[in-house]
Amino acid sequence: MATGEVAQRPQVDPSDLAVGEVITNSGRVSAARMYEPHAPALPFTPNQLASLDEALTLSSRETGLDFSVYLGALEGDTRAAAEEMHAAIGARASHAVLIAVSPGQRVVEIVTGEESHRRVNDRGAKLAVMSMVASFKEGDIAGGLVGGLRMLTDQAGSHKA
């Protein structure tokens, strides 16, 4: 292009425009597009959720204890927050075992009730935490939880009929 020449814009035929497109007065093509937000990233795949659900069900069935898992931030004192969640279980809290995991804080808390503590001692809980943390470090949160549940189930043993 020589000095002083003005570049010509290619002409757009209005019949070539897609739905939501228009030619503006300046000759530009303006297009409206549908905004589709991305689904939030979930921590587990459907298969991992199924494995975790199965592990929770089998652990509770075999031991007679109520196992539950919390995955998320623990506000303030992490131990106190986990104990508060455990107490919120209600009447069955004495027979409950809560595994609270806060990946962002790098914290794992296992809270047991009066009866469940008799069957899952502190040493067994610490071993389960160590096993879970090893899996978490490899990026396998679901596998770590399932493995930890199995260890706690073995520790607690079968419930008396």
N, C-alpha and C. Protein backbone atom coordinates (compact mmCIF):
# COMPACT_ATOMS: atom_id res chain seq x y z
N MET A 1 0.86 -1.15 0.00
CA MET A 1 0.00 0.00 0.00
C MET A 1 0.91 1.22 0.00
N ALA A 2 0.62 2.13 -0.90
CA ALA A 2 1.41 3.37 -1.02
C ALA A 2 0.93 4.38 0.00
N THR A 3 1.76 5.35 0.27
CA THR A 3 1.40 6.40 1.22
C THR A 3 0.20 7.16 0.72
N GLY A 4 -0.75 7.38 1.63
CA GLY A 4 -1.94 8.15 1.29
C GLY A 4 -3.09 7.30 0.79
N GLU A 5 -2.85 6.00 0.53
CA GLU A 5 -3.96 5.15 0.08
C GLU A 5 -4.71 4.62 1.30
N VAL A 6 -5.99 4.47 1.16
CA VAL A 6 -6.83 3.93 2.22
C VAL A 6 -7.18 2.49 1.85
N ALA A 7 -6.98 1.60 2.81
CA ALA A 7 -7.30 0.19 2.55
C ALA A 7 -8.81 0.03 2.51
N GLN A 8 -9.28 -0.71 1.57
CA GLN A 8 -10.69 -0.98 1.42
C GLN A 8 -11.04 -2.25 2.21
N ARG A 9 -12.09 -2.18 2.98
CA ARG A 9 -12.56 -3.37 3.71
C ARG A 9 -13.32 -4.26 2.73
N PRO A 10 -13.18 -5.54 2.89
CA PRO A 10 -13.96 -6.42 2.02
C PRO A 10 -15.45 -6.27 2.35
N GLN A 11 -16.25 -6.25 1.33
CA GLN A 11 -17.69 -6.12 1.52
C GLN A 11 -18.28 -7.46 1.97
N VAL A 12 -19.18 -7.37 2.97
CA VAL A 12 -19.83 -8.57 3.50
C VAL A 12 -21.27 -8.57 3.01
N ASP A 13 -21.67 -9.66 2.44
CA ASP A 13 -23.04 -9.80 1.97
C ASP A 13 -23.92 -10.11 3.18
N PRO A 14 -24.95 -9.30 3.45
CA PRO A 14 -25.83 -9.55 4.60
C PRO A 14 -26.46 -10.94 4.61
N SER A 15 -26.60 -11.55 3.46
CA SER A 15 -27.19 -12.90 3.43
C SER A 15 -26.20 -13.96 3.95
N ASP A 16 -24.92 -13.60 4.05
CA ASP A 16 -23.91 -14.53 4.56
C ASP A 16 -23.80 -14.50 6.08
N LEU A 17 -24.48 -13.55 6.73
CA LEU A 17 -24.37 -13.40 8.18
C LEU A 17 -25.13 -14.52 8.89
N ALA A 18 -24.56 -14.98 9.98
CA ALA A 18 -25.20 -16.01 10.80
C ALA A 18 -26.22 -15.36 11.74
N VAL A 19 -27.01 -16.18 12.39
CA VAL A 19 -27.97 -15.68 13.37
C VAL A 19 -27.21 -14.97 14.48
N GLY A 20 -27.64 -13.74 14.81
CA GLY A 20 -26.98 -12.99 15.88
C GLY A 20 -25.88 -12.08 15.37
N GLU A 21 -25.64 -12.04 14.06
CA GLU A 21 -24.62 -11.15 13.49
C GLU A 21 -25.30 -10.01 12.74
N VAL A 22 -24.62 -8.86 12.72
CA VAL A 22 -25.15 -7.68 12.05
C VAL A 22 -23.98 -6.83 11.55
N ILE A 23 -24.20 -6.10 10.48
CA ILE A 23 -23.19 -5.17 9.99
C ILE A 23 -23.48 -3.82 10.63
N THR A 24 -22.50 -3.25 11.32
CA THR A 24 -22.67 -1.95 11.98
C THR A 24 -22.50 -0.83 10.95
N ASN A 25 -22.79 0.42 11.35
CA ASN A 25 -22.66 1.57 10.46
C ASN A 25 -21.23 1.76 9.98
N SER A 26 -20.27 1.34 10.78
CA SER A 26 -18.87 1.49 10.37
C SER A 26 -18.43 0.37 9.43
N GLY A 27 -19.29 -0.61 9.20
CA GLY A 27 -18.96 -1.70 8.31
C GLY A 27 -18.43 -2.94 9.01
N ARG A 28 -18.26 -2.84 10.34
CA ARG A 28 -17.81 -3.99 11.11
C ARG A 28 -18.93 -5.00 11.25
N VAL A 29 -18.57 -6.26 11.44
CA VAL A 29 -19.56 -7.29 11.74
C VAL A 29 -19.56 -7.49 13.25
N SER A 30 -20.70 -7.29 13.86
CA SER A 30 -20.87 -7.49 15.30
C SER A 30 -21.67 -8.77 15.50
N ALA A 31 -21.20 -9.61 16.42
CA ALA A 31 -21.86 -10.90 16.62
C ALA A 31 -22.22 -11.09 18.08
N ALA A 32 -23.43 -11.54 18.31
CA ALA A 32 -23.87 -11.90 19.67
C ALA A 32 -23.75 -13.41 19.80
N ARG A 33 -23.14 -13.85 20.87
CA ARG A 33 -22.96 -15.29 21.11
C ARG A 33 -23.58 -15.65 22.46
N MET A 34 -24.11 -16.84 22.56
CA MET A 34 -24.70 -17.32 23.79
C MET A 34 -23.58 -17.64 24.78
N TYR A 35 -23.69 -17.10 25.98
CA TYR A 35 -22.72 -17.38 27.02
C TYR A 35 -23.10 -18.69 27.69
N GLU A 36 -22.18 -19.63 27.67
CA GLU A 36 -22.41 -20.93 28.32
C GLU A 36 -21.33 -21.13 29.37
N PRO A 37 -21.68 -20.90 30.63
CA PRO A 37 -20.65 -21.08 31.67
C PRO A 37 -20.24 -22.55 31.77
N HIS A 38 -18.98 -22.73 32.10
CA HIS A 38 -18.48 -24.09 32.27
C HIS A 38 -19.01 -24.65 33.58
N ALA A 39 -19.32 -25.92 33.55
CA ALA A 39 -19.76 -26.59 34.77
C ALA A 39 -18.61 -26.56 35.77
N PRO A 40 -18.92 -26.37 37.05
CA PRO A 40 -17.84 -26.34 38.04
C PRO A 40 -17.11 -27.68 38.07
N ALA A 41 -15.82 -27.61 38.27
CA ALA A 41 -15.03 -28.84 38.34
C ALA A 41 -15.36 -29.57 39.64
N LEU A 42 -15.76 -30.80 39.51
CA LEU A 42 -16.10 -31.61 40.67
C LEU A 42 -14.86 -32.38 41.12
N PRO A 43 -14.74 -32.63 42.42
CA PRO A 43 -13.54 -33.31 42.89
C PRO A 43 -13.47 -34.78 42.50
N PHE A 44 -14.62 -35.38 42.16
CA PHE A 44 -14.63 -36.81 41.86
C PHE A 44 -15.38 -37.10 40.57
N THR A 45 -14.94 -38.13 39.88
CA THR A 45 -15.67 -38.62 38.71
C THR A 45 -16.85 -39.45 39.21
N PRO A 46 -17.82 -39.75 38.35
CA PRO A 46 -18.92 -40.62 38.78
C PRO A 46 -18.44 -41.98 39.30
N ASN A 47 -17.41 -42.55 38.68
CA ASN A 47 -16.89 -43.85 39.14
C ASN A 47 -16.25 -43.72 40.52
N GLN A 48 -15.52 -42.63 40.75
CA GLN A 48 -14.91 -42.42 42.06
C GLN A 48 -15.98 -42.23 43.13
N LEU A 49 -17.04 -41.49 42.79
CA LEU A 49 -18.15 -41.30 43.74
C LEU A 49 -18.80 -42.64 44.07
N ALA A 50 -18.98 -43.47 43.06
CA ALA A 50 -19.59 -44.79 43.29
C ALA A 50 -18.70 -45.63 44.21
N SER A 51 -17.38 -45.60 43.99
CA SER A 51 -16.45 -46.35 44.85
C SER A 51 -16.47 -45.84 46.27
N LEU A 52 -16.50 -44.52 46.42
CA LEU A 52 -16.54 -43.92 47.75
C LEU A 52 -17.85 -44.26 48.46
N ASP A 53 -18.95 -44.19 47.74
CA ASP A 53 -20.25 -44.53 48.32
C ASP A 53 -20.28 -46.00 48.75
N GLU A 54 -19.73 -46.86 47.91
CA GLU A 54 -19.69 -48.29 48.25
C GLU A 54 -18.83 -48.53 49.49
N ALA A 55 -17.68 -47.86 49.56
CA ALA A 55 -16.79 -48.03 50.71
C ALA A 55 -17.46 -47.54 51.99
N LEU A 56 -18.15 -46.41 51.93
CA LEU A 56 -18.87 -45.90 53.10
C LEU A 56 -19.96 -46.86 53.54
N THR A 57 -20.73 -47.37 52.58
CA THR A 57 -21.82 -48.30 52.89
C THR A 57 -21.29 -49.58 53.51
N LEU A 58 -20.25 -50.16 52.89
CA LEU A 58 -19.70 -51.42 53.41
C LEU A 58 -19.06 -51.23 54.78
N SER A 59 -18.36 -50.11 54.97
CA SER A 59 -17.74 -49.84 56.27
C SER A 59 -18.79 -49.76 57.37
N SER A 60 -19.86 -49.03 57.09
CA SER A 60 -20.93 -48.88 58.09
C SER A 60 -21.64 -50.20 58.34
N ARG A 61 -21.89 -50.94 57.27
CA ARG A 61 -22.59 -52.22 57.39
C ARG A 61 -21.77 -53.24 58.18
N GLU A 62 -20.49 -53.32 57.87
CA GLU A 62 -19.64 -54.33 58.52
C GLU A 62 -19.38 -54.03 59.99
N THR A 63 -19.19 -52.76 60.31
CA THR A 63 -18.79 -52.39 61.67
C THR A 63 -19.95 -52.00 62.57
N GLY A 64 -21.06 -51.60 61.98
CA GLY A 64 -22.17 -51.08 62.78
C GLY A 64 -21.95 -49.63 63.21
N LEU A 65 -20.85 -49.04 62.76
CA LEU A 65 -20.56 -47.63 63.05
C LEU A 65 -21.01 -46.79 61.86
N ASP A 66 -21.29 -45.53 62.09
CA ASP A 66 -21.70 -44.63 61.02
C ASP A 66 -20.48 -43.85 60.52
N PHE A 67 -20.01 -44.20 59.32
CA PHE A 67 -18.86 -43.51 58.73
C PHE A 67 -19.35 -42.40 57.83
N SER A 68 -18.67 -41.26 57.86
CA SER A 68 -18.99 -40.17 56.95
C SER A 68 -17.71 -39.44 56.57
N VAL A 69 -17.76 -38.78 55.42
CA VAL A 69 -16.60 -38.06 54.89
C VAL A 69 -17.03 -36.63 54.60
N TYR A 70 -16.19 -35.68 55.00
CA TYR A 70 -16.38 -34.27 54.65
C TYR A 70 -15.15 -33.84 53.88
N LEU A 71 -15.36 -33.20 52.72
CA LEU A 71 -14.26 -32.69 51.91
C LEU A 71 -14.52 -31.21 51.67
N GLY A 72 -13.67 -30.36 52.22
CA GLY A 72 -13.83 -28.92 52.07
C GLY A 72 -13.06 -28.18 53.14
N ALA A 73 -13.19 -26.87 53.12
CA ALA A 73 -12.47 -26.03 54.08
C ALA A 73 -13.02 -26.23 55.48
N LEU A 74 -12.13 -26.21 56.45
CA LEU A 74 -12.49 -26.27 57.87
C LEU A 74 -12.16 -24.91 58.47
N GLU A 75 -13.17 -24.15 58.83
CA GLU A 75 -12.98 -22.78 59.31
C GLU A 75 -12.30 -22.74 60.68
N GLY A 76 -11.41 -21.78 60.86
CA GLY A 76 -10.77 -21.57 62.16
C GLY A 76 -9.91 -22.74 62.58
N ASP A 77 -10.07 -23.14 63.84
CA ASP A 77 -9.37 -24.30 64.38
C ASP A 77 -9.95 -25.55 63.70
N THR A 78 -9.12 -26.21 62.89
CA THR A 78 -9.63 -27.32 62.08
C THR A 78 -10.17 -28.46 62.93
N ARG A 79 -9.50 -28.75 64.04
CA ARG A 79 -9.97 -29.84 64.91
C ARG A 79 -11.32 -29.50 65.51
N ALA A 80 -11.45 -28.27 66.00
CA ALA A 80 -12.73 -27.84 66.59
C ALA A 80 -13.85 -27.85 65.56
N ALA A 81 -13.54 -27.44 64.33
CA ALA A 81 -14.56 -27.44 63.27
C ALA A 81 -15.00 -28.87 62.96
N ALA A 82 -14.04 -29.81 62.90
CA ALA A 82 -14.39 -31.21 62.63
C ALA A 82 -15.20 -31.80 63.79
N GLU A 83 -14.82 -31.47 65.02
CA GLU A 83 -15.58 -31.97 66.17
C GLU A 83 -17.00 -31.40 66.19
N GLU A 84 -17.15 -30.17 65.77
CA GLU A 84 -18.49 -29.56 65.70
C GLU A 84 -19.35 -30.27 64.65
N MET A 85 -18.75 -30.59 63.50
CA MET A 85 -19.48 -31.34 62.48
C MET A 85 -19.89 -32.71 63.00
N HIS A 86 -18.98 -33.36 63.71
CA HIS A 86 -19.27 -34.68 64.27
C HIS A 86 -20.42 -34.60 65.27
N ALA A 87 -20.39 -33.59 66.13
CA ALA A 87 -21.45 -33.43 67.13
C ALA A 87 -22.81 -33.17 66.46
N ALA A 88 -22.78 -32.54 65.28
CA ALA A 88 -24.03 -32.23 64.57
C ALA A 88 -24.72 -33.48 64.04
N ILE A 89 -24.04 -34.61 64.09
CA ILE A 89 -24.64 -35.87 63.64
C ILE A 89 -25.84 -36.21 64.51
N GLY A 90 -25.77 -35.82 65.78
CA GLY A 90 -26.91 -36.00 66.67
C GLY A 90 -26.78 -37.22 67.56
N ALA A 91 -27.89 -37.91 67.73
CA ALA A 91 -27.96 -39.02 68.69
C ALA A 91 -26.98 -40.14 68.38
N ARG A 92 -26.66 -40.35 67.12
CA ARG A 92 -25.75 -41.44 66.74
C ARG A 92 -24.29 -41.02 66.74
N ALA A 93 -23.98 -39.80 67.21
CA ALA A 93 -22.60 -39.32 67.19
C ALA A 93 -21.66 -40.23 67.97
N SER A 94 -22.13 -40.88 69.01
CA SER A 94 -21.24 -41.75 69.78
C SER A 94 -20.82 -42.98 68.96
N HIS A 95 -21.61 -43.34 67.95
CA HIS A 95 -21.30 -44.49 67.09
C HIS A 95 -20.77 -44.05 65.72
N ALA A 96 -20.34 -42.79 65.61
CA ALA A 96 -19.95 -42.25 64.31
C ALA A 96 -18.45 -42.01 64.21
N VAL A 97 -17.98 -42.09 62.96
CA VAL A 97 -16.60 -41.77 62.63
C VAL A 97 -16.65 -40.78 61.47
N LEU A 98 -16.07 -39.60 61.67
CA LEU A 98 -16.03 -38.59 60.63
C LEU A 98 -14.60 -38.43 60.14
N ILE A 99 -14.44 -38.49 58.82
CA ILE A 99 -13.15 -38.18 58.19
C ILE A 99 -13.34 -36.82 57.52
N ALA A 100 -12.67 -35.80 58.04
CA ALA A 100 -12.76 -34.45 57.49
C ALA A 100 -11.44 -34.13 56.79
N VAL A 101 -11.53 -33.80 55.50
CA VAL A 101 -10.34 -33.52 54.70
C VAL A 101 -10.46 -32.12 54.11
N SER A 102 -9.45 -31.31 54.36
CA SER A 102 -9.38 -29.98 53.78
C SER A 102 -8.10 -29.89 52.94
N PRO A 103 -8.21 -30.21 51.64
CA PRO A 103 -7.01 -30.23 50.80
C PRO A 103 -6.29 -28.88 50.75
N GLY A 104 -7.04 -27.79 50.70
CA GLY A 104 -6.43 -26.48 50.63
C GLY A 104 -5.61 -26.14 51.86
N GLN A 105 -6.04 -26.65 53.01
CA GLN A 105 -5.33 -26.41 54.26
C GLN A 105 -4.34 -27.53 54.58
N ARG A 106 -4.37 -28.60 53.78
CA ARG A 106 -3.51 -29.77 53.99
C ARG A 106 -3.76 -30.38 55.37
N VAL A 107 -5.05 -30.61 55.66
CA VAL A 107 -5.45 -31.12 56.97
C VAL A 107 -6.36 -32.33 56.79
N VAL A 108 -6.13 -33.35 57.59
CA VAL A 108 -7.03 -34.50 57.69
C VAL A 108 -7.33 -34.68 59.17
N GLU A 109 -8.60 -34.70 59.52
CA GLU A 109 -9.02 -34.92 60.91
C GLU A 109 -9.95 -36.13 60.93
N ILE A 110 -9.72 -37.03 61.86
CA ILE A 110 -10.64 -38.14 62.09
C ILE A 110 -11.22 -37.94 63.48
N VAL A 111 -12.56 -37.86 63.54
CA VAL A 111 -13.24 -37.65 64.82
C VAL A 111 -14.11 -38.86 65.09
N THR A 112 -13.96 -39.40 66.29
CA THR A 112 -14.76 -40.57 66.68
C THR A 112 -15.63 -40.20 67.87
N GLY A 113 -16.71 -40.93 68.02
CA GLY A 113 -17.57 -40.75 69.18
C GLY A 113 -17.12 -41.68 70.31
N GLU A 114 -17.87 -41.67 71.40
CA GLU A 114 -17.49 -42.46 72.57
C GLU A 114 -17.39 -43.96 72.24
N GLU A 115 -18.42 -44.50 71.61
CA GLU A 115 -18.41 -45.92 71.28
C GLU A 115 -17.43 -46.23 70.14
N SER A 116 -17.42 -45.40 69.12
CA SER A 116 -16.53 -45.68 67.98
C SER A 116 -15.06 -45.54 68.38
N HIS A 117 -14.75 -44.70 69.37
CA HIS A 117 -13.37 -44.54 69.83
C HIS A 117 -12.87 -45.82 70.50
N ARG A 118 -13.75 -46.58 71.12
CA ARG A 118 -13.35 -47.85 71.74
C ARG A 118 -12.88 -48.84 70.69
N ARG A 119 -13.41 -48.70 69.48
CA ARG A 119 -13.10 -49.66 68.42
C ARG A 119 -12.08 -49.14 67.41
N VAL A 120 -11.95 -47.82 67.32
CA VAL A 120 -10.96 -47.21 66.44
C VAL A 120 -10.08 -46.34 67.32
N ASN A 121 -8.93 -46.89 67.72
CA ASN A 121 -8.06 -46.14 68.63
C ASN A 121 -7.25 -45.08 67.87
N ASP A 122 -6.57 -44.23 68.62
CA ASP A 122 -5.81 -43.13 68.03
C ASP A 122 -4.70 -43.63 67.10
N ARG A 123 -4.05 -44.71 67.50
CA ARG A 123 -2.97 -45.26 66.68
C ARG A 123 -3.51 -45.72 65.32
N GLY A 124 -4.63 -46.42 65.33
CA GLY A 124 -5.24 -46.88 64.08
C GLY A 124 -5.69 -45.72 63.20
N ALA A 125 -6.22 -44.68 63.83
CA ALA A 125 -6.64 -43.50 63.09
C ALA A 125 -5.44 -42.79 62.46
N LYS A 126 -4.33 -42.72 63.20
CA LYS A 126 -3.12 -42.07 62.67
C LYS A 126 -2.56 -42.84 61.48
N LEU A 127 -2.59 -44.17 61.56
CA LEU A 127 -2.12 -44.98 60.44
C LEU A 127 -3.00 -44.76 59.21
N ALA A 128 -4.31 -44.67 59.42
CA ALA A 128 -5.22 -44.41 58.31
C ALA A 128 -4.95 -43.04 57.70
N VAL A 129 -4.69 -42.04 58.54
CA VAL A 129 -4.38 -40.70 58.04
C VAL A 129 -3.10 -40.72 57.22
N MET A 130 -2.08 -41.40 57.71
CA MET A 130 -0.81 -41.49 56.98
C MET A 130 -1.01 -42.13 55.61
N SER A 131 -1.81 -43.17 55.56
CA SER A 131 -2.10 -43.84 54.30
C SER A 131 -2.86 -42.91 53.35
N MET A 132 -3.85 -42.20 53.87
CA MET A 132 -4.61 -41.27 53.04
C MET A 132 -3.72 -40.16 52.50
N VAL A 133 -2.89 -39.59 53.37
CA VAL A 133 -2.01 -38.49 52.95
C VAL A 133 -1.07 -38.94 51.84
N ALA A 134 -0.57 -40.16 51.91
CA ALA A 134 0.30 -40.68 50.86
C ALA A 134 -0.43 -40.69 49.51
N SER A 135 -1.68 -41.10 49.51
CA SER A 135 -2.47 -41.10 48.27
C SER A 135 -2.80 -39.67 47.83
N PHE A 136 -3.12 -38.81 48.79
CA PHE A 136 -3.44 -37.42 48.46
C PHE A 136 -2.26 -36.74 47.78
N LYS A 137 -1.05 -37.04 48.24
CA LYS A 137 0.15 -36.44 47.65
C LYS A 137 0.32 -36.84 46.19
N GLU A 138 -0.21 -38.00 45.84
CA GLU A 138 -0.16 -38.47 44.46
C GLU A 138 -1.35 -37.97 43.65
N GLY A 139 -2.21 -37.17 44.27
CA GLY A 139 -3.37 -36.60 43.58
C GLY A 139 -4.59 -37.50 43.58
N ASP A 140 -4.57 -38.56 44.37
CA ASP A 140 -5.68 -39.52 44.39
C ASP A 140 -6.49 -39.35 45.68
N ILE A 141 -7.36 -38.36 45.69
CA ILE A 141 -8.16 -38.10 46.90
C ILE A 141 -9.16 -39.22 47.12
N ALA A 142 -9.86 -39.61 46.07
CA ALA A 142 -10.87 -40.67 46.21
C ALA A 142 -10.24 -41.98 46.66
N GLY A 143 -9.14 -42.36 46.03
CA GLY A 143 -8.47 -43.60 46.41
C GLY A 143 -7.95 -43.56 47.84
N GLY A 144 -7.46 -42.40 48.25
CA GLY A 144 -6.98 -42.24 49.62
C GLY A 144 -8.11 -42.40 50.62
N LEU A 145 -9.26 -41.81 50.31
CA LEU A 145 -10.42 -41.94 51.21
C LEU A 145 -10.91 -43.38 51.29
N VAL A 146 -10.98 -44.04 50.15
CA VAL A 146 -11.43 -45.44 50.13
C VAL A 146 -10.45 -46.31 50.93
N GLY A 147 -9.15 -46.11 50.72
CA GLY A 147 -8.15 -46.87 51.47
C GLY A 147 -8.22 -46.59 52.96
N GLY A 148 -8.40 -45.32 53.32
CA GLY A 148 -8.52 -44.96 54.73
C GLY A 148 -9.75 -45.59 55.37
N LEU A 149 -10.87 -45.60 54.63
CA LEU A 149 -12.08 -46.24 55.15
C LEU A 149 -11.86 -47.73 55.38
N ARG A 150 -11.16 -48.37 54.47
CA ARG A 150 -10.88 -49.81 54.63
C ARG A 150 -10.02 -50.06 55.87
N MET A 151 -9.02 -49.21 56.07
CA MET A 151 -8.16 -49.39 57.25
C MET A 151 -8.94 -49.18 58.54
N LEU A 152 -9.79 -48.16 58.57
CA LEU A 152 -10.60 -47.90 59.76
C LEU A 152 -11.60 -49.03 60.00
N THR A 153 -12.14 -49.58 58.93
CA THR A 153 -13.07 -50.70 59.04
C THR A 153 -12.37 -51.92 59.62
N ASP A 154 -11.18 -52.20 59.12
CA ASP A 154 -10.40 -53.33 59.66
C ASP A 154 -10.09 -53.12 61.13
N GLN A 155 -9.74 -51.89 61.49
CA GLN A 155 -9.43 -51.55 62.88
C GLN A 155 -10.65 -51.78 63.78
N ALA A 156 -11.82 -51.33 63.31
CA ALA A 156 -13.04 -51.41 64.13
C ALA A 156 -13.56 -52.84 64.24
N GLY A 157 -13.33 -53.64 63.22
CA GLY A 157 -13.84 -55.02 63.24
C GLY A 157 -15.34 -55.09 63.04
N SER A 158 -15.85 -56.31 63.00
CA SER A 158 -17.28 -56.52 62.82
C SER A 158 -18.04 -56.19 64.09
N HIS A 159 -19.27 -55.70 63.89
CA HIS A 159 -20.09 -55.38 65.05
C HIS A 159 -20.73 -56.66 65.58
N LYS A 160 -21.02 -56.64 66.86
CA LYS A 160 -21.64 -57.81 67.49
C LYS A 160 -23.12 -57.81 67.17
N ALA A 161 -23.59 -58.94 66.70
CA ALA A 161 -25.01 -59.06 66.34
C ALA A 161 -25.90 -59.20 67.54
